[in-house]
Amino acid sequence: MPTPKTTTKRLTDGQLAYETKRAAKAGMSLDKWLGSKQRQQEADAKAKLKAAEAAKPPKPPGFFGRLLERAQRPFGS
């Protein structure tokens, strides 16, 4: 059984047999299965990174931003 070229790490015999069974169950070739699995992992990592960026608090206004905000306030404040 040839090893797929799309993997970045070498699979053991047990892992290769397991992935072959899963690919057959999904109706795909082993290369397609491992490729789709790799793409899914990359998409998950990208989504986690995007969620972490969105969770960062907004940056406080700089000097000019504070100056403009203060200039727009009424005099009594």
C-alpha atoms as a PDB file:
ATOM      1  CA  MET A   1       0.000   0.000   0.000  1.00  0.00           C
ATOM      2  CA  PRO A   2       1.739   3.245  -1.089  1.00  0.00           C
ATOM      3  CA  THR A   3       1.843   6.147   1.299  1.00  0.00           C
ATOM      4  CA  PRO A   4       0.084   9.324   0.178  1.00  0.00           C
ATOM      5  CA  LYS A   5       2.200  12.277  -0.899  1.00  0.00           C
ATOM      6  CA  THR A   6      -0.103  14.900   0.633  1.00  0.00           C
ATOM      7  CA  THR A   7       0.789  14.167   4.248  1.00  0.00           C
ATOM      8  CA  THR A   8       3.460  16.203   5.948  1.00  0.00           C
ATOM      9  CA  LYS A   9       4.238  13.555   8.543  1.00  0.00           C
ATOM     10  CA  ARG A  10       4.791   9.846   8.092  1.00  0.00           C
ATOM     11  CA  LEU A  11       1.852   7.716   9.223  1.00  0.00           C
ATOM     12  CA  THR A  12       2.439   4.470  11.063  1.00  0.00           C
ATOM     13  CA  ASP A  13       0.978   1.265   9.670  1.00  0.00           C
ATOM     14  CA  GLY A  14      -1.896   1.367  12.155  1.00  0.00           C
ATOM     15  CA  GLN A  15      -2.715   4.997  11.385  1.00  0.00           C
ATOM     16  CA  LEU A  16      -2.563   4.306   7.666  1.00  0.00           C
ATOM     17  CA  ALA A  17      -4.942   1.353   8.011  1.00  0.00           C
ATOM     18  CA  TYR A  18      -7.346   3.448  10.087  1.00  0.00           C
ATOM     19  CA  GLU A  19      -7.332   6.323   7.592  1.00  0.00           C
ATOM     20  CA  THR A  20      -7.804   3.859   4.725  1.00  0.00           C
ATOM     21  CA  LYS A  21     -10.931   2.454   6.424  1.00  0.00           C
ATOM     22  CA  ARG A  22     -12.312   5.953   7.018  1.00  0.00           C
ATOM     23  CA  ALA A  23     -11.634   6.936   3.398  1.00  0.00           C
ATOM     24  CA  ALA A  24     -13.397   3.806   2.143  1.00  0.00           C
ATOM     25  CA  LYS A  25     -16.350   4.502   4.415  1.00  0.00           C
ATOM     26  CA  ALA A  26     -16.574   8.045   3.008  1.00  0.00           C
ATOM     27  CA  GLY A  27     -16.293   6.731  -0.557  1.00  0.00           C
ATOM     28  CA  MET A  28     -13.025   8.526  -1.309  1.00  0.00           C
ATOM     29  CA  SER A  29      -9.508   7.548  -2.207  1.00  0.00           C
ATOM     30  CA  LEU A  30      -6.922   7.760   0.544  1.00  0.00           C
ATOM     31  CA  ASP A  31      -5.209  10.745  -1.091  1.00  0.00           C
ATOM     32  CA  LYS A  32      -8.482  12.666  -1.396  1.00  0.00           C
ATOM     33  CA  TRP A  33      -9.441  11.784   2.172  1.00  0.00           C
ATOM     34  CA  LEU A  34      -6.150  12.970   3.645  1.00  0.00           C
ATOM     35  CA  GLY A  35      -6.249  16.101   1.505  1.00  0.00           C
ATOM     36  CA  SER A  36      -9.733  16.998   2.688  1.00  0.00           C
ATOM     37  CA  LYS A  37      -8.724  16.258   6.261  1.00  0.00           C
ATOM     38  CA  GLN A  38      -5.701  18.575   5.915  1.00  0.00           C
ATOM     39  CA  ARG A  39      -7.837  21.360   4.389  1.00  0.00           C
ATOM     40  CA  GLN A  40     -10.361  21.014   7.223  1.00  0.00           C
ATOM     41  CA  GLN A  41      -7.614  21.297   9.837  1.00  0.00           C
ATOM     42  CA  GLU A  42      -6.234  24.418   8.151  1.00  0.00           C
ATOM     43  CA  ALA A  43      -9.711  25.956   7.991  1.00  0.00           C
ATOM     44  CA  ASP A  44     -10.262  25.223  11.696  1.00  0.00           C
ATOM     45  CA  ALA A  45      -6.918  26.808  12.589  1.00  0.00           C
ATOM     46  CA  LYS A  46      -7.784  29.884  10.495  1.00  0.00           C
ATOM     47  CA  ALA A  47     -11.186  30.171  12.197  1.00  0.00           C
ATOM     48  CA  LYS A  48      -9.588  29.957  15.656  1.00  0.00           C
ATOM     49  CA  LEU A  49      -7.096  32.662  14.703  1.00  0.00           C
ATOM     50  CA  LYS A  50      -9.879  34.896  13.385  1.00  0.00           C
ATOM     51  CA  ALA A  51     -11.916  34.370  16.570  1.00  0.00           C
ATOM     52  CA  ALA A  52      -8.904  35.233  18.722  1.00  0.00           C
ATOM     53  CA  GLU A  53      -8.362  38.450  16.735  1.00  0.00           C
ATOM     54  CA  ALA A  54     -12.019  39.406  17.090  1.00  0.00           C
ATOM     55  CA  ALA A  55     -11.880  38.836  20.857  1.00  0.00           C
ATOM     56  CA  LYS A  56      -9.113  41.437  21.373  1.00  0.00           C
ATOM     57  CA  PRO A  57     -10.335  44.605  23.059  1.00  0.00           C
ATOM     58  CA  PRO A  58     -10.416  47.714  20.879  1.00  0.00           C
ATOM     59  CA  LYS A  59      -7.361  49.929  20.945  1.00  0.00           C
ATOM     60  CA  PRO A  60      -7.844  53.086  23.044  1.00  0.00           C
ATOM     61  CA  PRO A  61      -7.915  56.353  21.105  1.00  0.00           C
ATOM     62  CA  GLY A  62      -4.592  58.053  20.502  1.00  0.00           C
ATOM     63  CA  PHE A  63      -3.630  61.626  21.212  1.00  0.00           C
ATOM     64  CA  PHE A  64      -5.426  63.172  18.237  1.00  0.00           C
ATOM     65  CA  GLY A  65      -8.495  60.991  18.742  1.00  0.00           C
ATOM     66  CA  ARG A  66      -8.814  62.155  22.346  1.00  0.00           C
ATOM     67  CA  LEU A  67      -8.224  65.752  21.252  1.00  0.00           C
ATOM     68  CA  LEU A  68     -11.000  65.573  18.641  1.00  0.00           C
ATOM     69  CA  GLU A  69     -13.358  63.904  21.099  1.00  0.00           C
ATOM     70  CA  ARG A  70     -12.716  66.605  23.658  1.00  0.00           C
ATOM     71  CA  ALA A  71     -13.171  69.353  21.061  1.00  0.00           C
ATOM     72  CA  GLN A  72     -16.646  68.026  20.184  1.00  0.00           C
ATOM     73  CA  ARG A  73     -17.888  68.059  23.784  1.00  0.00           C
ATOM     74  CA  PRO A  74     -19.863  71.068  25.094  1.00  0.00           C
ATOM     75  CA  PHE A  75     -17.915  73.550  27.255  1.00  0.00           C
ATOM     76  CA  GLY A  76     -19.587  72.670  30.544  1.00  0.00           C
ATOM     77  CA  SER A  77     -18.387  69.038  30.530  1.00  0.00           C
END
